[in-house]
C-alpha atoms as a PDB file:
ATOM      1  CA  MET A   1      58.240 -21.295   4.810  1.00  0.00           C
ATOM      2  CA  GLN A   2      54.775 -22.426   6.021  1.00  0.00           C
ATOM      3  CA  ARG A   3      51.838 -21.284   4.151  1.00  0.00           C
ATOM      4  CA  ALA A   4      49.486 -19.081   6.161  1.00  0.00           C
ATOM      5  CA  ARG A   5      46.334 -20.927   7.119  1.00  0.00           C
ATOM      6  CA  PRO A   6      43.108 -19.220   6.044  1.00  0.00           C
ATOM      7  CA  ARG A   7      41.205 -17.503   8.816  1.00  0.00           C
ATOM      8  CA  ALA A   8      38.162 -19.225  10.045  1.00  0.00           C
ATOM      9  CA  ALA A   9      34.782 -17.885   9.062  1.00  0.00           C
ATOM     10  CA  VAL A  10      33.100 -15.519  11.467  1.00  0.00           C
ATOM     11  CA  ARG A  11      32.129 -18.359  13.715  1.00  0.00           C
ATOM     12  CA  PRO A  12      34.567 -18.879  16.624  1.00  0.00           C
ATOM     13  CA  ARG A  13      35.305 -22.465  17.463  1.00  0.00           C
ATOM     14  CA  GLY A  14      33.000 -24.255  19.738  1.00  0.00           C
ATOM     15  CA  ASP A  15      30.659 -21.550  21.078  1.00  0.00           C
ATOM     16  CA  GLY A  16      27.586 -23.171  19.649  1.00  0.00           C
ATOM     17  CA  PHE A  17      26.253 -19.958  18.029  1.00  0.00           C
ATOM     18  CA  PRO A  18      25.454 -19.034  14.409  1.00  0.00           C
ATOM     19  CA  SER A  19      28.364 -17.039  12.921  1.00  0.00           C
ATOM     20  CA  PRO A  20      26.477 -13.708  12.752  1.00  0.00           C
ATOM     21  CA  LEU A  21      25.625 -13.968  16.487  1.00  0.00           C
ATOM     22  CA  SER A  22      29.215 -14.633  17.417  1.00  0.00           C
ATOM     23  CA  ALA A  23      30.238 -11.608  15.328  1.00  0.00           C
ATOM     24  CA  ALA A  24      27.581  -9.395  16.976  1.00  0.00           C
ATOM     25  CA  LEU A  25      28.773 -10.422  20.444  1.00  0.00           C
ATOM     26  CA  ARG A  26      32.340  -9.487  19.494  1.00  0.00           C
ATOM     27  CA  ARG A  27      31.327  -6.242  17.784  1.00  0.00           C
ATOM     28  CA  THR A  28      29.225  -5.011  20.742  1.00  0.00           C
ATOM     29  CA  ARG A  29      31.607  -6.514  23.306  1.00  0.00           C
ATOM     30  CA  THR A  30      28.639  -8.310  24.909  1.00  0.00           C
ATOM     31  CA  PRO A  31      29.432 -11.401  26.920  1.00  0.00           C
ATOM     32  CA  ALA A  32      27.251 -14.414  26.276  1.00  0.00           C
ATOM     33  CA  THR A  33      24.677 -15.193  28.964  1.00  0.00           C
ATOM     34  CA  ASP A  34      24.276 -18.710  30.326  1.00  0.00           C
ATOM     35  CA  ALA A  35      21.002 -19.024  28.389  1.00  0.00           C
ATOM     36  CA  VAL A  36      20.559 -17.518  24.895  1.00  0.00           C
ATOM     37  CA  LEU A  37      17.315 -17.479  22.832  1.00  0.00           C
ATOM     38  CA  ILE A  38      17.614 -17.664  19.063  1.00  0.00           C
ATOM     39  CA  VAL A  39      14.566 -16.640  17.113  1.00  0.00           C
ATOM     40  CA  THR A  40      14.545 -17.746  13.468  1.00  0.00           C
ATOM     41  CA  VAL A  41      12.002 -15.977  11.286  1.00  0.00           C
ATOM     42  CA  ALA A  42      12.303 -18.349   8.360  1.00  0.00           C
ATOM     43  CA  SER A  43      11.354 -21.400  10.390  1.00  0.00           C
ATOM     44  CA  GLN A  44       9.110 -19.553  12.881  1.00  0.00           C
ATOM     45  CA  THR A  45      10.940 -21.235  15.773  1.00  0.00           C
ATOM     46  CA  MET A  46      12.856 -20.211  18.919  1.00  0.00           C
ATOM     47  CA  ASP A  47      15.777 -22.227  20.086  1.00  0.00           C
ATOM     48  CA  CYS A  48      16.644 -22.095  23.737  1.00  0.00           C
ATOM     49  CA  LEU A  49      20.371 -22.663  24.227  1.00  0.00           C
ATOM     50  CA  VAL A  50      22.074 -23.310  27.525  1.00  0.00           C
ATOM     51  CA  ARG A  51      25.830 -23.130  28.324  1.00  0.00           C
ATOM     52  CA  ASP A  52      27.253 -26.529  29.247  1.00  0.00           C
ATOM     53  CA  ALA A  53      29.238 -26.101  32.404  1.00  0.00           C
ATOM     54  CA  ALA A  54      31.995 -28.479  31.344  1.00  0.00           C
ATOM     55  CA  THR A  55      32.537 -27.442  27.720  1.00  0.00           C
ATOM     56  CA  ARG A  56      31.340 -23.800  28.037  1.00  0.00           C
ATOM     57  CA  ARG A  57      29.584 -24.403  24.654  1.00  0.00           C
ATOM     58  CA  HIS A  58      25.936 -23.410  24.282  1.00  0.00           C
ATOM     59  CA  GLU A  59      23.787 -26.440  23.473  1.00  0.00           C
ATOM     60  CA  PRO A  60      20.138 -26.502  22.395  1.00  0.00           C
ATOM     61  CA  ARG A  61      17.800 -27.349  25.283  1.00  0.00           C
ATOM     62  CA  TRP A  62      14.552 -27.079  23.334  1.00  0.00           C
ATOM     63  CA  THR A  63      12.886 -25.539  20.280  1.00  0.00           C
ATOM     64  CA  ILE A  64       9.405 -23.990  20.376  1.00  0.00           C
ATOM     65  CA  PRO A  65       7.078 -22.749  17.619  1.00  0.00           C
ATOM     66  CA  ILE A  66       6.539 -19.005  17.429  1.00  0.00           C
ATOM     67  CA  SER A  67       4.980 -16.332  15.285  1.00  0.00           C
ATOM     68  CA  THR A  68       6.771 -13.233  14.132  1.00  0.00           C
ATOM     69  CA  SER A  69       5.411 -10.300  12.108  1.00  0.00           C
ATOM     70  CA  ARG A  70       2.996 -10.810   9.247  1.00  0.00           C
ATOM     71  CA  PHE A  71       4.648  -7.758   7.654  1.00  0.00           C
ATOM     72  CA  GLY A  72       8.102  -9.396   7.680  1.00  0.00           C
ATOM     73  CA  ILE A  73      11.291  -8.182   9.165  1.00  0.00           C
ATOM     74  CA  GLY A  74      12.312  -4.608   9.722  1.00  0.00           C
ATOM     75  CA  GLN A  75      13.828  -2.219  12.186  1.00  0.00           C
ATOM     76  CA  VAL A  76      11.904   1.063  11.867  1.00  0.00           C
ATOM     77  CA  MET A  77       9.374   2.471  14.308  1.00  0.00           C
ATOM     78  CA  ASN A  78       5.706   1.974  13.351  1.00  0.00           C
ATOM     79  CA  SER A  79       6.615  -0.588  10.669  1.00  0.00           C
ATOM     80  CA  ASN A  80       4.924  -3.513  12.598  1.00  0.00           C
ATOM     81  CA  ARG A  81       7.848  -5.595  11.542  1.00  0.00           C
ATOM     82  CA  THR A  82      10.040  -7.952  13.666  1.00  0.00           C
ATOM     83  CA  PRO A  83      13.534  -6.443  14.263  1.00  0.00           C
ATOM     84  CA  LEU A  84      16.662  -8.468  13.586  1.00  0.00           C
ATOM     85  CA  GLY A  85      19.861  -8.615  15.629  1.00  0.00           C
ATOM     86  CA  LEU A  86      21.171  -8.886  19.179  1.00  0.00           C
ATOM     87  CA  HIS A  87      18.765  -8.076  22.000  1.00  0.00           C
ATOM     88  CA  ARG A  88      18.397  -8.816  25.680  1.00  0.00           C
ATOM     89  CA  ILE A  89      15.465  -9.214  27.916  1.00  0.00           C
ATOM     90  CA  ALA A  90      15.187  -5.785  29.545  1.00  0.00           C
ATOM     91  CA  GLU A  91      12.098  -6.460  31.649  1.00  0.00           C
ATOM     92  CA  LYS A  92       9.998  -9.466  32.697  1.00  0.00           C
ATOM     93  CA  ILE A  93       6.342  -8.561  33.266  1.00  0.00           C
ATOM     94  CA  GLY A  94       3.542 -10.689  34.700  1.00  0.00           C
ATOM     95  CA  GLU A  95       5.287 -12.843  37.274  1.00  0.00           C
ATOM     96  CA  GLY A  96       2.814 -14.591  39.480  1.00  0.00           C
ATOM     97  CA  MET A  97      -0.201 -13.486  37.403  1.00  0.00           C
ATOM     98  CA  PRO A  98      -2.810 -16.088  36.537  1.00  0.00           C
ATOM     99  CA  LEU A  99      -2.729 -17.829  33.154  1.00  0.00           C
ATOM    100  CA  GLY A 100      -4.826 -15.842  30.675  1.00  0.00           C
ATOM    101  CA  THR A 101      -3.973 -12.434  32.135  1.00  0.00           C
ATOM    102  CA  VAL A 102      -4.438  -9.794  29.421  1.00  0.00           C
ATOM    103  CA  PHE A 103      -2.110  -6.796  29.393  1.00  0.00           C
ATOM    104  CA  ARG A 104      -2.452  -3.268  27.945  1.00  0.00           C
ATOM    105  CA  ALA A 105       0.512  -0.878  28.320  1.00  0.00           C
ATOM    106  CA  ARG A 106       2.128  -3.712  30.358  1.00  0.00           C
ATOM    107  CA  LYS A 107      -0.588  -3.541  32.998  1.00  0.00           C
ATOM    108  CA  PRO A 108      -3.105  -6.354  33.725  1.00  0.00           C
ATOM    109  CA  VAL A 109      -6.599  -5.431  32.547  1.00  0.00           C
ATOM    110  CA  GLY A 110      -8.542  -8.719  32.649  1.00  0.00           C
ATOM    111  CA  ASN A 111      -8.389 -12.412  31.901  1.00  0.00           C
ATOM    112  CA  LEU A 112      -9.193 -14.518  28.844  1.00  0.00           C
ATOM    113  CA  SER A 113     -11.204 -16.916  31.060  1.00  0.00           C
ATOM    114  CA  ALA A 114     -13.421 -14.019  32.112  1.00  0.00           C
ATOM    115  CA  GLY A 115     -14.446 -13.437  28.504  1.00  0.00           C
ATOM    116  CA  MET A 116     -11.849 -10.770  27.545  1.00  0.00           C
ATOM    117  CA  PRO A 117     -12.209 -10.955  23.765  1.00  0.00           C
ATOM    118  CA  ASP A 118      -8.977  -9.181  22.868  1.00  0.00           C
ATOM    119  CA  GLY A 119      -5.989 -11.064  24.280  1.00  0.00           C
ATOM    120  CA  GLY A 120      -3.429  -9.483  21.945  1.00  0.00           C
ATOM    121  CA  ILE A 121      -0.816  -9.552  24.767  1.00  0.00           C
ATOM    122  CA  CYS A 122      -1.372 -12.128  27.461  1.00  0.00           C
ATOM    123  CA  HIS A 123       0.114 -14.523  29.954  1.00  0.00           C
ATOM    124  CA  ARG A 124       3.613 -13.007  30.310  1.00  0.00           C
ATOM    125  CA  ILE A 125       5.804 -10.335  28.624  1.00  0.00           C
ATOM    126  CA  LEU A 126       9.551 -10.401  27.998  1.00  0.00           C
ATOM    127  CA  TRP A 127      10.341  -6.864  26.909  1.00  0.00           C
ATOM    128  CA  LEU A 128      13.322  -6.752  24.516  1.00  0.00           C
ATOM    129  CA  GLU A 129      16.026  -4.072  24.286  1.00  0.00           C
ATOM    130  CA  GLY A 130      18.323  -3.844  21.224  1.00  0.00           C
ATOM    131  CA  LEU A 131      22.057  -4.028  21.769  1.00  0.00           C
ATOM    132  CA  GLU A 132      23.275  -2.874  18.289  1.00  0.00           C
ATOM    133  CA  PRO A 133      23.370   0.950  17.883  1.00  0.00           C
ATOM    134  CA  GLY A 134      21.803   2.013  14.595  1.00  0.00           C
ATOM    135  CA  LEU A 135      20.324  -1.464  13.932  1.00  0.00           C
ATOM    136  CA  ASN A 136      17.958  -2.030  16.876  1.00  0.00           C
ATOM    137  CA  GLN A 137      19.119   0.560  19.440  1.00  0.00           C
ATOM    138  CA  GLY A 138      18.539   4.343  19.387  1.00  0.00           C
ATOM    139  CA  GLY A 139      16.627   6.677  17.133  1.00  0.00           C
ATOM    140  CA  ASP A 140      13.685   5.283  15.099  1.00  0.00           C
ATOM    141  CA  VAL A 141      15.036   1.719  15.216  1.00  0.00           C
ATOM    142  CA  ASP A 142      15.046   1.284  18.946  1.00  0.00           C
ATOM    143  CA  SER A 143      13.400  -2.140  19.755  1.00  0.00           C
ATOM    144  CA  LYS A 144      12.566  -1.168  23.359  1.00  0.00           C
ATOM    145  CA  ARG A 145      10.921   2.134  22.249  1.00  0.00           C
ATOM    146  CA  ARG A 146       9.060   0.020  19.657  1.00  0.00           C
ATOM    147  CA  TYR A 147       7.702  -2.174  22.429  1.00  0.00           C
ATOM    148  CA  ILE A 148       8.980  -5.376  20.906  1.00  0.00           C
ATOM    149  CA  TYR A 149       8.108  -8.264  23.226  1.00  0.00           C
ATOM    150  CA  ILE A 150       8.137 -12.033  23.454  1.00  0.00           C
ATOM    151  CA  HIS A 151       4.636 -12.662  24.724  1.00  0.00           C
ATOM    152  CA  GLY A 152       1.579 -14.859  24.778  1.00  0.00           C
ATOM    153  CA  PHE A 153      -1.348 -14.384  22.382  1.00  0.00           C
ATOM    154  CA  HIS A 154      -4.968 -15.532  22.574  1.00  0.00           C
ATOM    155  CA  ASP A 155      -4.985 -17.152  19.064  1.00  0.00           C
ATOM    156  CA  GLU A 156      -2.373 -19.859  19.310  1.00  0.00           C
ATOM    157  CA  SER A 157      -3.507 -21.364  16.020  1.00  0.00           C
ATOM    158  CA  THR A 158      -1.208 -18.783  14.323  1.00  0.00           C
ATOM    159  CA  LEU A 159       2.004 -20.222  15.781  1.00  0.00           C
ATOM    160  CA  GLY A 160       4.352 -21.474  13.101  1.00  0.00           C
ATOM    161  CA  HIS A 161       3.210 -18.736  10.708  1.00  0.00           C
ATOM    162  CA  PRO A 162       4.017 -15.032  10.575  1.00  0.00           C
ATOM    163  CA  ALA A 163       0.972 -13.320  12.216  1.00  0.00           C
ATOM    164  CA  SER A 164       2.168 -10.673  14.766  1.00  0.00           C
ATOM    165  CA  LEU A 165       2.572  -6.968  14.588  1.00  0.00           C
ATOM    166  CA  GLY A 166       6.301  -7.138  15.183  1.00  0.00           C
ATOM    167  CA  CYS A 167       6.522  -9.092  18.435  1.00  0.00           C
ATOM    168  CA  VAL A 168       7.329 -12.762  18.925  1.00  0.00           C
ATOM    169  CA  HIS A 169       4.216 -14.726  19.971  1.00  0.00           C
ATOM    170  CA  VAL A 170       4.652 -17.918  22.037  1.00  0.00           C
ATOM    171  CA  ALA A 171       2.153 -20.414  23.311  1.00  0.00           C
ATOM    172  CA  ALA A 172       1.238 -20.102  26.996  1.00  0.00           C
ATOM    173  CA  SER A 173       2.467 -23.697  27.603  1.00  0.00           C
ATOM    174  CA  ASP A 174       5.887 -22.644  26.401  1.00  0.00           C
ATOM    175  CA  LEU A 175       5.898 -19.068  27.642  1.00  0.00           C
ATOM    176  CA  ILE A 176       5.156 -19.715  31.300  1.00  0.00           C
ATOM    177  CA  PRO A 177       8.139 -22.148  31.861  1.00  0.00           C
ATOM    178  CA  LEU A 178      10.333 -19.955  29.575  1.00  0.00           C
ATOM    179  CA  PHE A 179       9.491 -16.856  31.628  1.00  0.00           C
ATOM    180  CA  ASP A 180      10.229 -18.722  34.900  1.00  0.00           C
ATOM    181  CA  TRP A 181      13.500 -20.185  33.482  1.00  0.00           C
ATOM    182  CA  VAL A 182      15.218 -17.208  31.786  1.00  0.00           C
ATOM    183  CA  PRO A 183      16.626 -14.391  33.920  1.00  0.00           C
ATOM    184  CA  GLN A 184      16.392 -10.706  33.073  1.00  0.00           C
ATOM    185  CA  HIS A 185      19.178  -9.669  30.712  1.00  0.00           C
ATOM    186  CA  THR A 186      19.193 -13.067  28.871  1.00  0.00           C
ATOM    187  CA  LEU A 187      20.414 -12.546  25.328  1.00  0.00           C
ATOM    188  CA  VAL A 188      17.991 -12.941  22.421  1.00  0.00           C
ATOM    189  CA  TRP A 189      19.192 -13.226  18.798  1.00  0.00           C
ATOM    190  CA  ILE A 190      16.635 -12.580  16.065  1.00  0.00           C
ATOM    191  CA  GLN A 191      17.722 -13.817  12.634  1.00  0.00           C
ATOM    192  CA  GLU A 192      16.212 -14.297   9.206  1.00  0.00           C
END
């Protein structure tokens, strides 16, 4: 009689994802998109992965410095913390707007080059929607209702260090090509 082989860890073979992301995709029955963004709070980086047409495995295309919440990670409304888990880009805001555009309530209100002092949200917005009920979707943990974005910020010296109020800050030089490259509904995984 053959001994049963131990089951593999949560990570399926060859998909190129961290084990918890693979598990979340299975649990939520969410198919992987051709591009996947992986935000890692510990390293303050975002990896942009692309599915290889031949192998169907997601491979890193580039890594960019980011800034997540200065209050740490957390799911609850009004906590100003960065939520964990599986998300997707629900809306892309700012297409065609000039570099330096400042947004309030997702509407352009001025430009950094015109002396707008408060560029808390600028250049482009990728509005995230949680895909895990009870973790980042629904009730007081809903990432979309919390207005969690990937967006530009006027003070890029904070990149690489936790400094946001819950969102993911990205440099304009990375955000503009990222915005143009990723389609709406691209998956975003936020991990510790």
